[in-house]
């Protein structure tokens, strides 16, 4: 149970190619929407929208992920409406669980 969460959650998935989720919290005056699309074998994209009447702000974030499986390399990036932009590159050093990854941001 999430404290102070009185609302509704919707989650739709279609054959691992796209996913939509949303939540509404009427007492807090908030809404959260997220859409994710798998654009190909190694490319994924997503959009997130979050708004609150209490804080009177709304933010949007667009993100992507590109995987290069032959070189064990993953690029992730996002651009938020709050002038934030980030890119991370992960290199998998070994295919065993609990082994740290080499990351650069």
N, C-alpha and C. Protein backbone atom coordinates (compact mmCIF):
# COMPACT_ATOMS: atom_id res chain seq x y z
N UNK A 1 0.84 -1.19 0.00
CA UNK A 1 0.00 0.00 0.00
C UNK A 1 0.87 1.24 0.00
N UNK A 2 0.59 2.15 -0.86
CA UNK A 2 1.31 3.42 -0.93
C UNK A 2 0.62 4.41 0.01
N UNK A 3 1.35 5.05 0.93
CA UNK A 3 0.71 5.99 1.84
C UNK A 3 0.06 7.16 1.10
N UNK A 4 -1.10 7.57 1.54
CA UNK A 4 -1.84 8.70 0.97
C UNK A 4 -2.16 8.51 -0.51
N UNK A 5 -2.28 7.28 -0.97
CA UNK A 5 -2.59 7.02 -2.37
C UNK A 5 -4.03 6.52 -2.45
N UNK A 6 -4.91 7.37 -2.90
CA UNK A 6 -6.30 7.01 -3.13
C UNK A 6 -6.59 7.35 -4.58
N UNK A 7 -6.49 6.40 -5.42
CA UNK A 7 -6.68 6.68 -6.83
C UNK A 7 -6.83 5.42 -7.64
N UNK A 8 -6.52 5.55 -8.90
CA UNK A 8 -6.72 4.44 -9.80
C UNK A 8 -5.47 4.28 -10.65
N UNK A 9 -5.14 3.03 -10.96
CA UNK A 9 -3.95 2.72 -11.77
C UNK A 9 -4.42 1.91 -12.97
N UNK A 10 -3.93 2.27 -14.15
CA UNK A 10 -4.25 1.57 -15.40
C UNK A 10 -2.94 1.12 -16.02
N UNK A 11 -2.89 -0.11 -16.48
CA UNK A 11 -1.69 -0.62 -17.13
C UNK A 11 -2.11 -1.50 -18.31
N UNK A 12 -1.68 -1.14 -19.51
CA UNK A 12 -2.00 -1.89 -20.72
C UNK A 12 -0.71 -2.31 -21.40
N UNK A 13 -0.65 -3.56 -21.86
CA UNK A 13 0.54 -4.09 -22.54
C UNK A 13 0.08 -4.82 -23.78
N UNK A 14 0.81 -4.66 -24.88
CA UNK A 14 0.47 -5.34 -26.13
C UNK A 14 1.69 -6.08 -26.67
N UNK A 15 1.73 -7.37 -26.41
CA UNK A 15 2.71 -8.29 -27.01
C UNK A 15 4.15 -7.78 -26.94
N UNK A 16 4.53 -7.16 -25.85
CA UNK A 16 5.90 -6.70 -25.60
C UNK A 16 6.39 -5.66 -26.60
N UNK A 17 5.51 -5.05 -27.39
CA UNK A 17 5.96 -4.01 -28.31
C UNK A 17 5.62 -2.62 -27.81
N UNK A 18 4.54 -2.47 -27.03
CA UNK A 18 4.23 -1.18 -26.44
C UNK A 18 3.57 -1.39 -25.09
N UNK A 19 3.65 -0.35 -24.27
CA UNK A 19 3.07 -0.41 -22.93
C UNK A 19 2.60 0.99 -22.55
N UNK A 20 1.41 1.07 -21.98
CA UNK A 20 0.87 2.33 -21.47
C UNK A 20 0.48 2.12 -20.02
N UNK A 21 0.88 3.03 -19.16
CA UNK A 21 0.45 2.97 -17.77
C UNK A 21 0.09 4.37 -17.31
N UNK A 22 -0.84 4.44 -16.40
CA UNK A 22 -1.26 5.72 -15.88
C UNK A 22 -1.82 5.59 -14.48
N UNK A 23 -1.69 6.64 -13.72
CA UNK A 23 -2.28 6.65 -12.38
C UNK A 23 -2.87 8.03 -12.12
N UNK A 24 -3.93 8.03 -11.34
CA UNK A 24 -4.65 9.25 -11.01
C UNK A 24 -4.86 9.27 -9.50
N UNK A 25 -4.46 10.36 -8.87
CA UNK A 25 -4.65 10.53 -7.43
C UNK A 25 -5.49 11.78 -7.20
N UNK A 26 -6.81 11.64 -7.12
CA UNK A 26 -7.68 12.81 -7.04
C UNK A 26 -7.50 13.63 -5.76
N UNK A 27 -7.21 13.00 -4.63
CA UNK A 27 -7.05 13.76 -3.40
C UNK A 27 -5.79 14.61 -3.41
N UNK A 28 -4.76 14.12 -4.04
CA UNK A 28 -3.52 14.90 -4.16
C UNK A 28 -3.51 15.75 -5.42
N UNK A 29 -4.47 15.55 -6.30
CA UNK A 29 -4.54 16.34 -7.53
C UNK A 29 -3.43 16.02 -8.50
N UNK A 30 -3.08 14.74 -8.62
CA UNK A 30 -1.96 14.38 -9.47
C UNK A 30 -2.34 13.37 -10.53
N UNK A 31 -1.58 13.39 -11.61
CA UNK A 31 -1.75 12.43 -12.70
C UNK A 31 -0.36 12.04 -13.20
N UNK A 32 -0.20 10.76 -13.57
CA UNK A 32 1.06 10.27 -14.09
C UNK A 32 0.76 9.34 -15.26
N UNK A 33 1.31 9.64 -16.43
CA UNK A 33 1.11 8.83 -17.63
C UNK A 33 2.47 8.43 -18.19
N UNK A 34 2.56 7.22 -18.69
CA UNK A 34 3.81 6.72 -19.24
C UNK A 34 3.50 5.85 -20.47
N UNK A 35 4.23 6.07 -21.55
CA UNK A 35 4.07 5.28 -22.77
C UNK A 35 5.45 4.80 -23.20
N UNK A 36 5.55 3.50 -23.51
CA UNK A 36 6.81 2.88 -23.89
C UNK A 36 6.59 2.10 -25.19
N UNK A 37 7.52 2.23 -26.12
CA UNK A 37 7.41 1.56 -27.42
C UNK A 37 8.74 0.90 -27.75
N UNK A 38 8.69 -0.35 -28.13
CA UNK A 38 9.87 -1.03 -28.63
C UNK A 38 9.88 -0.83 -30.14
N UNK A 39 10.83 -0.03 -30.62
CA UNK A 39 10.85 0.36 -32.03
C UNK A 39 11.58 -0.64 -32.91
N UNK A 40 12.31 -1.53 -32.35
CA UNK A 40 13.05 -2.52 -33.13
C UNK A 40 13.69 -3.52 -32.19
N UNK A 41 14.59 -4.34 -32.72
CA UNK A 41 15.26 -5.33 -31.89
C UNK A 41 16.13 -4.69 -30.82
N UNK A 42 16.73 -3.55 -31.13
CA UNK A 42 17.68 -2.94 -30.18
C UNK A 42 17.33 -1.50 -29.80
N UNK A 43 16.21 -0.97 -30.26
CA UNK A 43 15.84 0.42 -29.98
C UNK A 43 14.52 0.46 -29.22
N UNK A 44 14.51 1.22 -28.11
CA UNK A 44 13.31 1.41 -27.31
C UNK A 44 13.16 2.89 -27.01
N UNK A 45 11.91 3.36 -26.97
CA UNK A 45 11.64 4.77 -26.70
C UNK A 45 10.49 4.87 -25.69
N UNK A 46 10.47 5.95 -24.92
CA UNK A 46 9.42 6.13 -23.95
C UNK A 46 9.15 7.60 -23.68
N UNK A 47 7.92 7.89 -23.23
CA UNK A 47 7.50 9.25 -22.89
C UNK A 47 6.79 9.17 -21.54
N UNK A 48 7.07 10.14 -20.68
CA UNK A 48 6.45 10.20 -19.37
C UNK A 48 5.93 11.60 -19.13
N UNK A 49 4.70 11.69 -18.62
CA UNK A 49 4.07 12.97 -18.31
C UNK A 49 3.55 12.91 -16.88
N UNK A 50 3.91 13.90 -16.09
CA UNK A 50 3.50 13.93 -14.69
C UNK A 50 3.05 15.34 -14.33
N UNK A 51 1.89 15.44 -13.71
CA UNK A 51 1.36 16.74 -13.33
C UNK A 51 0.74 16.72 -11.95
N UNK A 52 0.73 17.88 -11.30
CA UNK A 52 0.18 17.99 -9.96
C UNK A 52 -0.51 19.33 -9.81
N UNK A 53 -1.75 19.29 -9.34
CA UNK A 53 -2.46 20.54 -9.05
C UNK A 53 -1.95 21.18 -7.77
N UNK A 54 -1.48 20.35 -6.84
CA UNK A 54 -0.99 20.87 -5.56
C UNK A 54 0.26 21.72 -5.75
N UNK A 55 1.22 21.24 -6.54
CA UNK A 55 2.45 22.00 -6.78
C UNK A 55 2.33 22.89 -8.01
N UNK A 56 1.27 22.75 -8.76
CA UNK A 56 1.00 23.51 -9.99
C UNK A 56 2.15 23.44 -10.99
N UNK A 57 2.59 22.22 -11.24
CA UNK A 57 3.62 22.03 -12.25
C UNK A 57 3.36 20.74 -13.01
N UNK A 58 3.91 20.71 -14.20
CA UNK A 58 3.77 19.55 -15.07
C UNK A 58 5.12 19.32 -15.74
N UNK A 59 5.58 18.08 -15.74
CA UNK A 59 6.85 17.76 -16.36
C UNK A 59 6.66 16.66 -17.40
N UNK A 60 7.48 16.71 -18.40
CA UNK A 60 7.47 15.69 -19.46
C UNK A 60 8.91 15.23 -19.69
N UNK A 61 9.06 13.94 -19.94
CA UNK A 61 10.38 13.36 -20.17
C UNK A 61 10.30 12.42 -21.36
N UNK A 62 11.27 12.52 -22.26
CA UNK A 62 11.40 11.63 -23.41
C UNK A 62 12.71 10.88 -23.25
N UNK A 63 12.66 9.55 -23.39
CA UNK A 63 13.86 8.75 -23.23
C UNK A 63 14.02 7.72 -24.32
N UNK A 64 15.25 7.22 -24.45
CA UNK A 64 15.52 6.19 -25.45
C UNK A 64 16.57 5.23 -24.89
N UNK A 65 16.62 4.06 -25.47
CA UNK A 65 17.64 3.07 -25.13
C UNK A 65 18.03 2.34 -26.40
N UNK A 66 19.32 2.26 -26.65
CA UNK A 66 19.86 1.56 -27.81
C UNK A 66 20.82 0.50 -27.29
N UNK A 67 20.58 -0.75 -27.68
CA UNK A 67 21.43 -1.85 -27.25
C UNK A 67 22.25 -2.36 -28.42
N UNK A 68 23.53 -2.58 -28.18
CA UNK A 68 24.42 -3.20 -29.15
C UNK A 68 24.86 -4.53 -28.56
N UNK A 69 24.09 -5.61 -28.80
CA UNK A 69 24.33 -6.88 -28.11
C UNK A 69 25.67 -7.53 -28.41
N UNK A 70 26.18 -7.37 -29.61
CA UNK A 70 27.45 -8.01 -29.96
C UNK A 70 28.62 -7.41 -29.18
N UNK A 71 28.53 -6.13 -28.82
CA UNK A 71 29.60 -5.49 -28.07
C UNK A 71 29.25 -5.30 -26.60
N UNK A 72 28.09 -5.84 -26.13
CA UNK A 72 27.65 -5.73 -24.74
C UNK A 72 27.56 -4.28 -24.29
N UNK A 73 27.10 -3.40 -25.16
CA UNK A 73 27.04 -1.97 -24.87
C UNK A 73 25.59 -1.48 -24.96
N UNK A 74 25.19 -0.65 -24.01
CA UNK A 74 23.85 -0.08 -23.98
C UNK A 74 23.96 1.43 -23.79
N UNK A 75 23.28 2.20 -24.65
CA UNK A 75 23.20 3.65 -24.51
C UNK A 75 21.80 4.01 -24.04
N UNK A 76 21.71 4.86 -23.02
CA UNK A 76 20.43 5.36 -22.54
C UNK A 76 20.51 6.87 -22.47
N UNK A 77 19.43 7.52 -22.87
CA UNK A 77 19.40 8.98 -22.80
C UNK A 77 18.00 9.46 -22.50
N UNK A 78 17.93 10.66 -21.93
CA UNK A 78 16.62 11.26 -21.67
C UNK A 78 16.73 12.77 -21.69
N UNK A 79 15.62 13.38 -22.05
CA UNK A 79 15.50 14.84 -22.08
C UNK A 79 14.23 15.19 -21.35
N UNK A 80 14.36 15.97 -20.29
CA UNK A 80 13.21 16.37 -19.48
C UNK A 80 12.87 17.82 -19.75
N UNK A 81 11.64 18.19 -19.43
CA UNK A 81 11.19 19.56 -19.66
C UNK A 81 11.81 20.54 -18.67
N UNK A 82 12.52 20.06 -17.68
CA UNK A 82 13.15 20.93 -16.69
C UNK A 82 14.61 21.18 -17.04
N UNK A 83 14.93 21.32 -18.29
CA UNK A 83 16.26 21.63 -18.82
C UNK A 83 17.29 20.57 -18.43
N UNK A 84 16.85 19.35 -18.17
CA UNK A 84 17.75 18.27 -17.83
C UNK A 84 17.93 17.37 -19.04
N UNK A 85 19.18 17.02 -19.31
CA UNK A 85 19.48 16.10 -20.40
C UNK A 85 20.56 15.15 -19.90
N UNK A 86 20.36 13.87 -20.09
CA UNK A 86 21.34 12.91 -19.61
C UNK A 86 21.54 11.77 -20.58
N UNK A 87 22.76 11.27 -20.64
CA UNK A 87 23.11 10.13 -21.47
C UNK A 87 24.01 9.22 -20.64
N UNK A 88 23.74 7.92 -20.67
CA UNK A 88 24.55 6.94 -19.95
C UNK A 88 24.91 5.83 -20.92
N UNK A 89 26.16 5.40 -20.87
CA UNK A 89 26.61 4.25 -21.65
C UNK A 89 27.04 3.15 -20.68
N UNK A 90 26.47 1.96 -20.80
CA UNK A 90 26.81 0.83 -19.94
C UNK A 90 27.52 -0.23 -20.76
N UNK A 91 28.61 -0.74 -20.23
CA UNK A 91 29.35 -1.83 -20.83
C UNK A 91 29.30 -3.01 -19.86
N UNK A 92 28.69 -4.11 -20.28
CA UNK A 92 28.59 -5.29 -19.42
C UNK A 92 29.93 -6.01 -19.47
N UNK A 93 30.54 -6.15 -18.30
CA UNK A 93 31.86 -6.77 -18.24
C UNK A 93 31.81 -8.29 -18.25
N UNK A 94 30.75 -8.85 -17.68
CA UNK A 94 30.62 -10.29 -17.60
C UNK A 94 29.13 -10.62 -17.52
N UNK A 95 28.71 -11.73 -18.07
CA UNK A 95 27.29 -12.07 -18.10
C UNK A 95 26.86 -12.90 -16.89
N UNK A 96 27.40 -12.61 -15.74
CA UNK A 96 27.03 -13.29 -14.50
C UNK A 96 26.26 -12.29 -13.64
N UNK A 97 25.25 -12.77 -12.93
CA UNK A 97 24.47 -11.87 -12.07
C UNK A 97 25.35 -11.25 -10.98
N UNK A 98 25.01 -10.05 -10.59
CA UNK A 98 25.67 -9.31 -9.52
C UNK A 98 27.09 -8.90 -9.85
N UNK A 99 27.42 -8.77 -11.12
CA UNK A 99 28.71 -8.26 -11.53
C UNK A 99 28.50 -6.80 -11.94
N UNK A 100 29.32 -5.89 -11.41
CA UNK A 100 29.11 -4.47 -11.74
C UNK A 100 29.33 -4.17 -13.22
N UNK A 101 28.64 -3.15 -13.66
CA UNK A 101 28.79 -2.69 -15.03
C UNK A 101 29.68 -1.47 -15.04
N UNK A 102 30.34 -1.25 -16.14
CA UNK A 102 31.15 -0.06 -16.34
C UNK A 102 30.24 0.98 -17.00
N UNK A 103 30.02 2.11 -16.32
CA UNK A 103 29.10 3.14 -16.83
C UNK A 103 29.81 4.46 -16.96
N UNK A 104 29.37 5.23 -17.94
CA UNK A 104 29.87 6.59 -18.14
C UNK A 104 28.68 7.49 -18.40
N UNK A 105 28.66 8.63 -17.75
CA UNK A 105 27.55 9.57 -17.93
C UNK A 105 28.06 10.90 -18.44
